[in-house]
C-alpha atoms as a PDB file:
ATOM      1  CA  UNK A   1      61.480  36.599  23.782  1.00  0.00           C
ATOM      2  CA  UNK A   2      64.125  38.762  22.140  1.00  0.00           C
ATOM      3  CA  UNK A   3      64.379  38.957  18.369  1.00  0.00           C
ATOM      4  CA  UNK A   4      66.056  36.259  16.323  1.00  0.00           C
ATOM      5  CA  UNK A   5      67.733  37.617  13.185  1.00  0.00           C
ATOM      6  CA  UNK A   6      68.548  36.402   9.693  1.00  0.00           C
ATOM      7  CA  UNK A   7      71.561  37.884   7.912  1.00  0.00           C
ATOM      8  CA  UNK A   8      71.135  39.114   4.336  1.00  0.00           C
ATOM      9  CA  UNK A   9      74.142  37.595   2.519  1.00  0.00           C
ATOM     10  CA  UNK A  10      74.605  40.420  -0.001  1.00  0.00           C
ATOM     11  CA  UNK A  11      74.689  43.276   2.534  1.00  0.00           C
ATOM     12  CA  UNK A  12      75.263  41.773   5.972  1.00  0.00           C
ATOM     13  CA  UNK A  13      72.091  43.486   7.211  1.00  0.00           C
ATOM     14  CA  UNK A  14      70.107  41.634   9.858  1.00  0.00           C
ATOM     15  CA  UNK A  15      66.338  41.229   9.506  1.00  0.00           C
ATOM     16  CA  UNK A  16      64.196  40.026  12.426  1.00  0.00           C
ATOM     17  CA  UNK A  17      63.058  36.456  11.763  1.00  0.00           C
ATOM     18  CA  UNK A  18      59.380  37.282  12.386  1.00  0.00           C
ATOM     19  CA  UNK A  19      57.480  40.381  11.345  1.00  0.00           C
ATOM     20  CA  UNK A  20      54.030  41.887  11.540  1.00  0.00           C
ATOM     21  CA  UNK A  21      51.816  42.239   8.474  1.00  0.00           C
ATOM     22  CA  UNK A  22      49.651  45.354   8.172  1.00  0.00           C
ATOM     23  CA  UNK A  23      47.093  44.478   5.490  1.00  0.00           C
ATOM     24  CA  UNK A  24      43.711  45.014   7.112  1.00  0.00           C
ATOM     25  CA  UNK A  25      41.878  42.772   4.620  1.00  0.00           C
ATOM     26  CA  UNK A  26      39.461  45.638   3.923  1.00  0.00           C
ATOM     27  CA  UNK A  27      38.012  45.514   7.453  1.00  0.00           C
ATOM     28  CA  UNK A  28      40.624  46.909   9.865  1.00  0.00           C
ATOM     29  CA  UNK A  29      40.619  50.714   9.959  1.00  0.00           C
ATOM     30  CA  UNK A  30      43.957  52.495   9.529  1.00  0.00           C
ATOM     31  CA  UNK A  31      43.948  53.889  13.085  1.00  0.00           C
ATOM     32  CA  UNK A  32      43.213  50.429  14.500  1.00  0.00           C
ATOM     33  CA  UNK A  33      46.084  48.967  12.496  1.00  0.00           C
ATOM     34  CA  UNK A  34      48.408  51.703  13.724  1.00  0.00           C
ATOM     35  CA  UNK A  35      47.453  50.921  17.320  1.00  0.00           C
ATOM     36  CA  UNK A  36      48.198  47.251  16.658  1.00  0.00           C
ATOM     37  CA  UNK A  37      51.639  48.248  15.379  1.00  0.00           C
ATOM     38  CA  UNK A  38      52.167  50.275  18.573  1.00  0.00           C
ATOM     39  CA  UNK A  39      51.300  47.184  20.629  1.00  0.00           C
ATOM     40  CA  UNK A  40      53.598  45.050  18.500  1.00  0.00           C
ATOM     41  CA  UNK A  41      56.531  47.402  19.009  1.00  0.00           C
ATOM     42  CA  UNK A  42      55.997  47.299  22.791  1.00  0.00           C
ATOM     43  CA  UNK A  43      55.966  43.498  22.679  1.00  0.00           C
ATOM     44  CA  UNK A  44      59.273  43.485  20.806  1.00  0.00           C
ATOM     45  CA  UNK A  45      58.500  43.330  17.094  1.00  0.00           C
ATOM     46  CA  UNK A  46      61.004  45.257  14.989  1.00  0.00           C
ATOM     47  CA  UNK A  47      60.005  44.030  11.509  1.00  0.00           C
ATOM     48  CA  UNK A  48      56.896  45.762  10.106  1.00  0.00           C
ATOM     49  CA  UNK A  49      55.587  44.878   6.638  1.00  0.00           C
ATOM     50  CA  UNK A  50      53.747  47.815   5.030  1.00  0.00           C
ATOM     51  CA  UNK A  51      52.448  48.755   1.572  1.00  0.00           C
ATOM     52  CA  UNK A  52      51.100  51.877  -0.060  1.00  0.00           C
ATOM     53  CA  UNK A  53      47.848  50.150  -1.036  1.00  0.00           C
ATOM     54  CA  UNK A  54      47.068  49.282   2.587  1.00  0.00           C
ATOM     55  CA  UNK A  55      46.261  52.996   3.064  1.00  0.00           C
ATOM     56  CA  UNK A  56      47.646  53.115   6.603  1.00  0.00           C
ATOM     57  CA  UNK A  57      51.284  54.166   6.195  1.00  0.00           C
ATOM     58  CA  UNK A  58      50.684  57.710   7.497  1.00  0.00           C
ATOM     59  CA  UNK A  59      49.126  56.363  10.681  1.00  0.00           C
ATOM     60  CA  UNK A  60      51.877  53.765  11.103  1.00  0.00           C
ATOM     61  CA  UNK A  61      54.477  56.479  10.516  1.00  0.00           C
ATOM     62  CA  UNK A  62      53.144  58.441  13.477  1.00  0.00           C
ATOM     63  CA  UNK A  63      53.432  55.338  15.650  1.00  0.00           C
ATOM     64  CA  UNK A  64      57.025  54.744  14.527  1.00  0.00           C
ATOM     65  CA  UNK A  65      57.926  58.357  15.328  1.00  0.00           C
ATOM     66  CA  UNK A  66      56.321  58.178  18.770  1.00  0.00           C
ATOM     67  CA  UNK A  67      57.891  54.818  19.655  1.00  0.00           C
ATOM     68  CA  UNK A  68      61.308  56.198  20.555  1.00  0.00           C
ATOM     69  CA  UNK A  69      62.909  53.160  18.918  1.00  0.00           C
ATOM     70  CA  UNK A  70      66.147  53.939  17.091  1.00  0.00           C
ATOM     71  CA  UNK A  71      65.800  53.689  13.315  1.00  0.00           C
ATOM     72  CA  UNK A  72      68.613  51.152  12.994  1.00  0.00           C
ATOM     73  CA  UNK A  73      66.698  48.769  15.259  1.00  0.00           C
ATOM     74  CA  UNK A  74      63.712  48.692  12.909  1.00  0.00           C
ATOM     75  CA  UNK A  75      63.196  46.825   9.651  1.00  0.00           C
ATOM     76  CA  UNK A  76      60.496  48.543   7.601  1.00  0.00           C
ATOM     77  CA  UNK A  77      59.224  47.112   4.327  1.00  0.00           C
ATOM     78  CA  UNK A  78      56.909  48.816   1.852  1.00  0.00           C
ATOM     79  CA  UNK A  79      55.644  47.936  -1.620  1.00  0.00           C
ATOM     80  CA  UNK A  80      54.836  49.705  -4.856  1.00  0.00           C
ATOM     81  CA  UNK A  81      51.244  49.137  -5.901  1.00  0.00           C
ATOM     82  CA  UNK A  82      50.094  47.999  -9.319  1.00  0.00           C
ATOM     83  CA  UNK A  83      48.947  51.456 -10.425  1.00  0.00           C
ATOM     84  CA  UNK A  84      52.487  52.832 -10.037  1.00  0.00           C
ATOM     85  CA  UNK A  85      54.509  50.548 -12.279  1.00  0.00           C
ATOM     86  CA  UNK A  86      57.149  52.054 -14.558  1.00  0.00           C
ATOM     87  CA  UNK A  87      60.485  53.562 -13.538  1.00  0.00           C
ATOM     88  CA  UNK A  88      59.323  57.114 -12.774  1.00  0.00           C
ATOM     89  CA  UNK A  89      56.172  55.981 -10.974  1.00  0.00           C
ATOM     90  CA  UNK A  90      58.099  53.541  -8.780  1.00  0.00           C
ATOM     91  CA  UNK A  91      60.464  56.262  -7.584  1.00  0.00           C
ATOM     92  CA  UNK A  92      57.554  58.632  -6.923  1.00  0.00           C
ATOM     93  CA  UNK A  93      55.631  55.958  -5.009  1.00  0.00           C
ATOM     94  CA  UNK A  94      58.622  55.045  -2.837  1.00  0.00           C
ATOM     95  CA  UNK A  95      59.189  58.688  -1.952  1.00  0.00           C
ATOM     96  CA  UNK A  96      55.518  58.996  -0.988  1.00  0.00           C
ATOM     97  CA  UNK A  97      55.769  55.938   1.269  1.00  0.00           C
ATOM     98  CA  UNK A  98      58.907  57.374   2.869  1.00  0.00           C
ATOM     99  CA  UNK A  99      57.102  60.658   3.519  1.00  0.00           C
ATOM    100  CA  UNK A 100      54.037  58.888   4.917  1.00  0.00           C
ATOM    101  CA  UNK A 101      56.123  56.629   7.159  1.00  0.00           C
ATOM    102  CA  UNK A 102      58.363  59.524   8.229  1.00  0.00           C
ATOM    103  CA  UNK A 103      61.527  57.697   7.193  1.00  0.00           C
ATOM    104  CA  UNK A 104      64.687  58.594   5.326  1.00  0.00           C
ATOM    105  CA  UNK A 105      65.107  55.103   3.885  1.00  0.00           C
ATOM    106  CA  UNK A 106      63.289  51.773   3.603  1.00  0.00           C
ATOM    107  CA  UNK A 107      64.986  48.548   4.580  1.00  0.00           C
ATOM    108  CA  UNK A 108      63.095  46.697   1.872  1.00  0.00           C
ATOM    109  CA  UNK A 109      60.930  47.766  -1.065  1.00  0.00           C
ATOM    110  CA  UNK A 110      58.945  45.211  -3.042  1.00  0.00           C
ATOM    111  CA  UNK A 111      57.061  45.128  -6.329  1.00  0.00           C
ATOM    112  CA  UNK A 112      53.702  44.090  -4.867  1.00  0.00           C
ATOM    113  CA  UNK A 113      52.436  42.204  -7.951  1.00  0.00           C
ATOM    114  CA  UNK A 114      54.276  41.533 -11.206  1.00  0.00           C
ATOM    115  CA  UNK A 115      51.740  43.296 -13.437  1.00  0.00           C
ATOM    116  CA  UNK A 116      50.074  46.717 -13.415  1.00  0.00           C
ATOM    117  CA  UNK A 117      46.548  45.378 -13.021  1.00  0.00           C
ATOM    118  CA  UNK A 118      44.721  47.608 -10.599  1.00  0.00           C
ATOM    119  CA  UNK A 119      41.592  47.145  -8.531  1.00  0.00           C
ATOM    120  CA  UNK A 120      40.014  49.673  -6.169  1.00  0.00           C
ATOM    121  CA  UNK A 121      39.752  49.014  -2.409  1.00  0.00           C
ATOM    122  CA  UNK A 122      36.878  46.719  -1.345  1.00  0.00           C
ATOM    123  CA  UNK A 123      36.663  45.283  -4.874  1.00  0.00           C
ATOM    124  CA  UNK A 124      34.272  42.401  -5.477  1.00  0.00           C
ATOM    125  CA  UNK A 125      35.701  39.069  -6.651  1.00  0.00           C
ATOM    126  CA  UNK A 126      34.232  39.681 -10.124  1.00  0.00           C
ATOM    127  CA  UNK A 127      35.739  43.164 -10.403  1.00  0.00           C
ATOM    128  CA  UNK A 128      37.962  43.590 -13.485  1.00  0.00           C
ATOM    129  CA  UNK A 129      40.015  46.528 -14.675  1.00  0.00           C
ATOM    130  CA  UNK A 130      39.530  47.280 -18.393  1.00  0.00           C
ATOM    131  CA  UNK A 131      43.255  48.062 -18.544  1.00  0.00           C
ATOM    132  CA  UNK A 132      44.371  44.747 -17.026  1.00  0.00           C
ATOM    133  CA  UNK A 133      46.851  42.738 -19.071  1.00  0.00           C
ATOM    134  CA  UNK A 134      49.166  39.737 -18.682  1.00  0.00           C
ATOM    135  CA  UNK A 135      52.766  39.877 -17.496  1.00  0.00           C
ATOM    136  CA  UNK A 136      55.037  41.652 -19.997  1.00  0.00           C
ATOM    137  CA  UNK A 137      58.736  41.271 -19.214  1.00  0.00           C
ATOM    138  CA  UNK A 138      59.756  44.552 -20.896  1.00  0.00           C
ATOM    139  CA  UNK A 139      57.238  46.496 -18.780  1.00  0.00           C
ATOM    140  CA  UNK A 140      58.315  44.690 -15.638  1.00  0.00           C
ATOM    141  CA  UNK A 141      62.006  45.416 -16.241  1.00  0.00           C
ATOM    142  CA  UNK A 142      61.178  49.118 -16.666  1.00  0.00           C
ATOM    143  CA  UNK A 143      59.525  48.938 -13.243  1.00  0.00           C
ATOM    144  CA  UNK A 144      62.520  47.059 -11.860  1.00  0.00           C
ATOM    145  CA  UNK A 145      64.906  49.720 -13.162  1.00  0.00           C
ATOM    146  CA  UNK A 146      63.077  52.159 -10.867  1.00  0.00           C
ATOM    147  CA  UNK A 147      63.649  49.784  -7.960  1.00  0.00           C
ATOM    148  CA  UNK A 148      67.362  49.635  -8.786  1.00  0.00           C
ATOM    149  CA  UNK A 149      67.517  53.445  -8.985  1.00  0.00           C
ATOM    150  CA  UNK A 150      66.097  53.669  -5.454  1.00  0.00           C
ATOM    151  CA  UNK A 151      68.970  51.538  -4.158  1.00  0.00           C
ATOM    152  CA  UNK A 152      71.487  53.657  -6.041  1.00  0.00           C
ATOM    153  CA  UNK A 153      69.961  56.823  -4.520  1.00  0.00           C
ATOM    154  CA  UNK A 154      70.198  55.364  -1.017  1.00  0.00           C
ATOM    155  CA  UNK A 155      66.442  55.593  -0.463  1.00  0.00           C
ATOM    156  CA  UNK A 156      66.054  51.809  -0.225  1.00  0.00           C
ATOM    157  CA  UNK A 157      68.525  49.302   1.244  1.00  0.00           C
ATOM    158  CA  UNK A 158      67.133  46.125  -0.364  1.00  0.00           C
ATOM    159  CA  UNK A 159      64.671  45.398  -3.176  1.00  0.00           C
ATOM    160  CA  UNK A 160      62.542  42.386  -3.886  1.00  0.00           C
ATOM    161  CA  UNK A 161      59.492  40.865  -5.465  1.00  0.00           C
ATOM    162  CA  UNK A 162      56.148  39.506  -4.369  1.00  0.00           C
ATOM    163  CA  UNK A 163      53.566  37.145  -5.869  1.00  0.00           C
ATOM    164  CA  UNK A 164      56.059  35.950  -8.464  1.00  0.00           C
ATOM    165  CA  UNK A 165      56.451  32.628 -10.255  1.00  0.00           C
ATOM    166  CA  UNK A 166      59.500  30.717 -11.441  1.00  0.00           C
ATOM    167  CA  UNK A 167      58.571  31.331 -15.079  1.00  0.00           C
ATOM    168  CA  UNK A 168      58.585  35.084 -14.460  1.00  0.00           C
ATOM    169  CA  UNK A 169      61.830  34.909 -12.470  1.00  0.00           C
ATOM    170  CA  UNK A 170      63.486  33.000 -15.322  1.00  0.00           C
ATOM    171  CA  UNK A 171      62.830  35.980 -17.588  1.00  0.00           C
ATOM    172  CA  UNK A 172      63.636  38.619 -14.981  1.00  0.00           C
ATOM    173  CA  UNK A 173      66.784  37.496 -13.176  1.00  0.00           C
ATOM    174  CA  UNK A 174      69.186  37.429 -16.160  1.00  0.00           C
ATOM    175  CA  UNK A 175      68.301  41.065 -16.872  1.00  0.00           C
ATOM    176  CA  UNK A 176      68.783  42.566 -13.392  1.00  0.00           C
ATOM    177  CA  UNK A 177      71.568  44.991 -12.568  1.00  0.00           C
ATOM    178  CA  UNK A 178      70.584  44.496  -8.910  1.00  0.00           C
ATOM    179  CA  UNK A 179      68.993  41.164  -8.136  1.00  0.00           C
ATOM    180  CA  UNK A 180      66.094  40.812  -5.692  1.00  0.00           C
ATOM    181  CA  UNK A 181      67.222  39.881  -2.199  1.00  0.00           C
ATOM    182  CA  UNK A 182      63.720  38.912  -0.976  1.00  0.00           C
ATOM    183  CA  UNK A 183      60.596  37.350  -2.405  1.00  0.00           C
ATOM    184  CA  UNK A 184      57.334  37.665  -0.497  1.00  0.00           C
ATOM    185  CA  UNK A 185      54.954  34.784  -1.198  1.00  0.00           C
ATOM    186  CA  UNK A 186      51.973  32.983   0.276  1.00  0.00           C
ATOM    187  CA  UNK A 187      53.324  30.226   2.521  1.00  0.00           C
ATOM    188  CA  UNK A 188      51.571  28.097   5.138  1.00  0.00           C
ATOM    189  CA  UNK A 189      51.479  24.346   5.832  1.00  0.00           C
ATOM    190  CA  UNK A 190      48.619  23.617   3.401  1.00  0.00           C
ATOM    191  CA  UNK A 191      50.343  25.750   0.727  1.00  0.00           C
ATOM    192  CA  UNK A 192      54.040  25.061   1.153  1.00  0.00           C
ATOM    193  CA  UNK A 193      55.081  25.742  -2.476  1.00  0.00           C
ATOM    194  CA  UNK A 194      58.143  23.455  -2.073  1.00  0.00           C
ATOM    195  CA  UNK A 195      59.421  23.855  -5.648  1.00  0.00           C
ATOM    196  CA  UNK A 196      59.150  27.653  -5.743  1.00  0.00           C
ATOM    197  CA  UNK A 197      60.476  27.958  -2.188  1.00  0.00           C
ATOM    198  CA  UNK A 198      63.549  25.891  -3.096  1.00  0.00           C
ATOM    199  CA  UNK A 199      64.055  27.939  -6.282  1.00  0.00           C
ATOM    200  CA  UNK A 200      63.835  31.253  -4.401  1.00  0.00           C
ATOM    201  CA  UNK A 201      66.471  30.075  -1.914  1.00  0.00           C
ATOM    202  CA  UNK A 202      68.722  28.687  -4.675  1.00  0.00           C
ATOM    203  CA  UNK A 203      68.598  32.081  -6.388  1.00  0.00           C
ATOM    204  CA  UNK A 204      69.838  33.788  -3.227  1.00  0.00           C
ATOM    205  CA  UNK A 205      66.537  35.320  -2.134  1.00  0.00           C
ATOM    206  CA  UNK A 206      65.152  35.212   1.398  1.00  0.00           C
ATOM    207  CA  UNK A 207      61.499  34.071   1.437  1.00  0.00           C
ATOM    208  CA  UNK A 208      58.977  36.161   3.379  1.00  0.00           C
ATOM    209  CA  UNK A 209      55.743  34.284   4.013  1.00  0.00           C
ATOM    210  CA  UNK A 210      52.422  36.107   3.991  1.00  0.00           C
ATOM    211  CA  UNK A 211      49.213  34.478   5.274  1.00  0.00           C
ATOM    212  CA  UNK A 212      51.367  32.199   7.481  1.00  0.00           C
ATOM    213  CA  UNK A 213      48.350  31.134   9.570  1.00  0.00           C
ATOM    214  CA  UNK A 214      46.176  30.409   6.556  1.00  0.00           C
ATOM    215  CA  UNK A 215      44.706  33.941   6.434  1.00  0.00           C
ATOM    216  CA  UNK A 216      41.516  33.310   8.421  1.00  0.00           C
ATOM    217  CA  UNK A 217      40.513  36.990   8.056  1.00  0.00           C
ATOM    218  CA  UNK A 218      41.223  37.381   4.331  1.00  0.00           C
ATOM    219  CA  UNK A 219      38.722  39.363   2.230  1.00  0.00           C
ATOM    220  CA  UNK A 220      35.535  37.608   1.154  1.00  0.00           C
ATOM    221  CA  UNK A 221      36.660  37.832  -2.494  1.00  0.00           C
ATOM    222  CA  UNK A 222      39.539  35.463  -1.698  1.00  0.00           C
ATOM    223  CA  UNK A 223      37.337  32.731  -0.228  1.00  0.00           C
ATOM    224  CA  UNK A 224      36.140  29.648  -2.099  1.00  0.00           C
ATOM    225  CA  UNK A 225      34.342  26.482  -1.020  1.00  0.00           C
ATOM    226  CA  UNK A 226      37.482  24.351  -1.537  1.00  0.00           C
ATOM    227  CA  UNK A 227      39.690  26.324   0.853  1.00  0.00           C
ATOM    228  CA  UNK A 228      41.314  24.435   3.735  1.00  0.00           C
ATOM    229  CA  UNK A 229      41.853  25.975   7.190  1.00  0.00           C
ATOM    230  CA  UNK A 230      45.450  25.264   8.251  1.00  0.00           C
ATOM    231  CA  UNK A 231      44.769  25.684  11.963  1.00  0.00           C
ATOM    232  CA  UNK A 232      41.982  23.103  11.800  1.00  0.00           C
ATOM    233  CA  UNK A 233      43.937  20.448   9.922  1.00  0.00           C
ATOM    234  CA  UNK A 234      44.080  17.260  12.058  1.00  0.00           C
ATOM    235  CA  UNK A 235      47.865  16.928  11.802  1.00  0.00           C
ATOM    236  CA  UNK A 236      48.436  20.568  12.796  1.00  0.00           C
ATOM    237  CA  UNK A 237      45.950  20.193  15.669  1.00  0.00           C
ATOM    238  CA  UNK A 238      47.599  16.982  16.906  1.00  0.00           C
ATOM    239  CA  UNK A 239      51.112  18.473  16.851  1.00  0.00           C
ATOM    240  CA  UNK A 240      49.795  21.519  18.727  1.00  0.00           C
ATOM    241  CA  UNK A 241      48.173  19.273  21.326  1.00  0.00           C
ATOM    242  CA  UNK A 242      51.367  17.270  21.848  1.00  0.00           C
ATOM    243  CA  UNK A 243      53.340  20.490  22.518  1.00  0.00           C
ATOM    244  CA  UNK A 244      50.492  22.133  24.466  1.00  0.00           C
ATOM    245  CA  UNK A 245      50.578  25.102  22.068  1.00  0.00           C
ATOM    246  CA  UNK A 246      48.080  26.787  19.739  1.00  0.00           C
ATOM    247  CA  UNK A 247      47.876  25.567  16.109  1.00  0.00           C
ATOM    248  CA  UNK A 248      48.956  29.084  15.052  1.00  0.00           C
ATOM    249  CA  UNK A 249      52.243  28.505  16.862  1.00  0.00           C
ATOM    250  CA  UNK A 250      52.754  25.277  14.913  1.00  0.00           C
ATOM    251  CA  UNK A 251      52.284  27.169  11.631  1.00  0.00           C
ATOM    252  CA  UNK A 252      54.823  29.822  12.639  1.00  0.00           C
ATOM    253  CA  UNK A 253      57.373  27.280  13.859  1.00  0.00           C
ATOM    254  CA  UNK A 254      56.913  25.426  10.560  1.00  0.00           C
ATOM    255  CA  UNK A 255      57.715  28.626   8.663  1.00  0.00           C
ATOM    256  CA  UNK A 256      60.748  29.523  10.790  1.00  0.00           C
ATOM    257  CA  UNK A 257      62.225  26.033  10.579  1.00  0.00           C
ATOM    258  CA  UNK A 258      61.810  26.076   6.800  1.00  0.00           C
ATOM    259  CA  UNK A 259      63.838  29.275   6.466  1.00  0.00           C
ATOM    260  CA  UNK A 260      60.808  31.526   5.947  1.00  0.00           C
ATOM    261  CA  UNK A 261      60.241  34.905   7.625  1.00  0.00           C
ATOM    262  CA  UNK A 262      56.522  34.832   8.562  1.00  0.00           C
ATOM    263  CA  UNK A 263      54.575  38.095   8.846  1.00  0.00           C
ATOM    264  CA  UNK A 264      51.379  37.252  10.753  1.00  0.00           C
ATOM    265  CA  UNK A 265      48.813  39.925  11.517  1.00  0.00           C
ATOM    266  CA  UNK A 266      46.712  40.457  14.601  1.00  0.00           C
ATOM    267  CA  UNK A 267      45.270  43.492  16.328  1.00  0.00           C
ATOM    268  CA  UNK A 268      44.927  41.639  19.656  1.00  0.00           C
ATOM    269  CA  UNK A 269      47.729  41.959  22.173  1.00  0.00           C
ATOM    270  CA  UNK A 270      47.470  38.328  23.309  1.00  0.00           C
ATOM    271  CA  UNK A 271      47.795  37.017  19.737  1.00  0.00           C
ATOM    272  CA  UNK A 272      50.550  39.471  18.843  1.00  0.00           C
ATOM    273  CA  UNK A 273      52.568  38.220  21.805  1.00  0.00           C
ATOM    274  CA  UNK A 274      51.978  34.524  21.176  1.00  0.00           C
ATOM    275  CA  UNK A 275      52.878  34.975  17.493  1.00  0.00           C
ATOM    276  CA  UNK A 276      56.074  36.836  18.411  1.00  0.00           C
ATOM    277  CA  UNK A 277      57.076  34.154  20.911  1.00  0.00           C
ATOM    278  CA  UNK A 278      56.205  31.280  18.561  1.00  0.00           C
ATOM    279  CA  UNK A 279      59.517  30.982  16.742  1.00  0.00           C
ATOM    280  CA  UNK A 280      61.417  30.657  20.023  1.00  0.00           C
ATOM    281  CA  UNK A 281      61.175  27.870  22.566  1.00  0.00           C
ATOM    282  CA  UNK A 282      61.009  24.200  21.674  1.00  0.00           C
ATOM    283  CA  UNK A 283      61.223  23.599  17.919  1.00  0.00           C
ATOM    284  CA  UNK A 284      59.172  21.063  16.040  1.00  0.00           C
ATOM    285  CA  UNK A 285      60.914  17.710  15.687  1.00  0.00           C
ATOM    286  CA  UNK A 286      62.176  16.413  12.347  1.00  0.00           C
ATOM    287  CA  UNK A 287      59.417  13.816  12.515  1.00  0.00           C
ATOM    288  CA  UNK A 288      56.800  16.524  12.979  1.00  0.00           C
ATOM    289  CA  UNK A 289      58.195  18.535  10.067  1.00  0.00           C
ATOM    290  CA  UNK A 290      57.917  15.388   7.956  1.00  0.00           C
ATOM    291  CA  UNK A 291      54.330  14.934   9.100  1.00  0.00           C
ATOM    292  CA  UNK A 292      53.550  18.517   8.090  1.00  0.00           C
ATOM    293  CA  UNK A 293      54.675  17.766   4.531  1.00  0.00           C
ATOM    294  CA  UNK A 294      51.539  15.605   4.314  1.00  0.00           C
ATOM    295  CA  UNK A 295      49.440  18.686   5.117  1.00  0.00           C
ATOM    296  CA  UNK A 296      50.483  20.450   1.888  1.00  0.00           C
ATOM    297  CA  UNK A 297      47.537  20.338  -0.517  1.00  0.00           C
ATOM    298  CA  UNK A 298      48.317  23.196  -2.939  1.00  0.00           C
ATOM    299  CA  UNK A 299      45.742  25.239  -1.022  1.00  0.00           C
ATOM    300  CA  UNK A 300      46.310  28.719  -2.466  1.00  0.00           C
ATOM    301  CA  UNK A 301      44.111  31.174  -0.579  1.00  0.00           C
ATOM    302  CA  UNK A 302      45.077  34.530  -2.129  1.00  0.00           C
ATOM    303  CA  UNK A 303      44.158  33.740  -5.708  1.00  0.00           C
ATOM    304  CA  UNK A 304      44.170  37.246  -7.191  1.00  0.00           C
ATOM    305  CA  UNK A 305      41.026  36.963  -9.309  1.00  0.00           C
ATOM    306  CA  UNK A 306      40.594  40.746  -9.413  1.00  0.00           C
ATOM    307  CA  UNK A 307      43.847  41.054 -11.405  1.00  0.00           C
ATOM    308  CA  UNK A 308      42.651  38.970 -14.359  1.00  0.00           C
ATOM    309  CA  UNK A 309      42.554  40.445 -17.830  1.00  0.00           C
ATOM    310  CA  UNK A 310      39.999  40.044 -20.591  1.00  0.00           C
ATOM    311  CA  UNK A 311      40.445  36.628 -22.155  1.00  0.00           C
ATOM    312  CA  UNK A 312      42.039  34.998 -19.107  1.00  0.00           C
ATOM    313  CA  UNK A 313      40.498  31.627 -18.244  1.00  0.00           C
ATOM    314  CA  UNK A 314      40.620  31.840 -14.441  1.00  0.00           C
ATOM    315  CA  UNK A 315      42.903  32.801 -11.557  1.00  0.00           C
ATOM    316  CA  UNK A 316      45.336  30.001 -12.396  1.00  0.00           C
ATOM    317  CA  UNK A 317      46.484  32.086 -15.368  1.00  0.00           C
ATOM    318  CA  UNK A 318      48.141  34.435 -12.873  1.00  0.00           C
ATOM    319  CA  UNK A 319      50.352  31.734 -11.427  1.00  0.00           C
ATOM    320  CA  UNK A 320      51.896  29.947 -14.444  1.00  0.00           C
ATOM    321  CA  UNK A 321      51.141  26.540 -12.930  1.00  0.00           C
ATOM    322  CA  UNK A 322      52.273  24.731 -16.080  1.00  0.00           C
ATOM    323  CA  UNK A 323      55.490  26.713 -16.197  1.00  0.00           C
ATOM    324  CA  UNK A 324      54.268  28.870 -19.079  1.00  0.00           C
ATOM    325  CA  UNK A 325      53.309  32.529 -18.712  1.00  0.00           C
ATOM    326  CA  UNK A 326      49.702  33.009 -19.802  1.00  0.00           C
ATOM    327  CA  UNK A 327      48.942  35.670 -22.422  1.00  0.00           C
END
C-alpha cells in the first residue's frame, strides 16, 4: 500500500495518515528500535514519531541518514520532555533532538506532557519526584513561547501538544500567538475520548492517537487489574472475524475512519507491514463503527501515576475528569 495523506489546513503540508511510534516501553533497546524504523521505512512508512525521552533519537537519526529517502518525503515528530520546560530549555531541547536525528528541521514538535514533572527511566509506579507540581498556566505558556520561537526560527514546521485536557486547552488557546496544529492523545476503541476528540477537531487540531492497539506492551507501571484488552473485546474480535482480518487491523481502521492518525509500534516486520496496510483496503461499515461505540469503556491505559505531586489524590487528578484542573 502507498501512503494516504492528511492535509494540515494551516500550512498545506501533508502528513502520512499512519505513523510508527518509537517508545520502547522500557524494554526495547535503542538499536533494536532503530532497526525497526529501518524495516518500517522499507515497508513504506514515512511518518516516524520520536521523543527525546525515548533515548533512541541518535540511533534513529543514523537510520534516517542511511535510508536514502529525501527529507521532504519524511514526516518526523519529536517532543520536549518534562525536565526541559521553559522557553530557553525548549529551544535547547529541540536543537538537541535535531542534532541527534541529523535533521535541519522537525515537521512537528510536541510538548510531551503539560507539566514539568519528571521521572527517571524505568521508574516504578510509586515513584514520585519531590519537585512535581500541578499544571500552572503561566509556566506552560512560557514553555509554549519556546515552541512558537522554534517555528519563527524555521527549526520546526508545526507545533502541538500531548496528554492535554479540555480544561487546560481552555486556558491555553486564548493566549497562543501560534496555535497547536496537532494534539497527541491516547485513543483506541475502549478509550475513544469522544468529547475531547470532538473538541480537538473543533479547535482545528489534528488528533494523533498513541496506544492505538491498546498498548499490549506498555510498562508494568501502567497496568492495573481493571484494564481491558481492546484486541480481545468480543465486538472487536467479531468484526475482525467477519472481515477475515486481525483485531489490530480493526483498531487501526477505527482510528483512521474517525479522523485519527494512529502511531502503532512493532519491531516485527510482519506486524509493521500489516499495521501499515490496515488503513487501506475495505473500510469498516457504518454499522460496524456504531457497534464499536459500544466498546468504549473509558479504559485509560497510560494513567501517568509517576507524574503526581504531593497532595494529589490519584492519577485522575492529572486528567481533569470533572472539568476542573486539580491543584
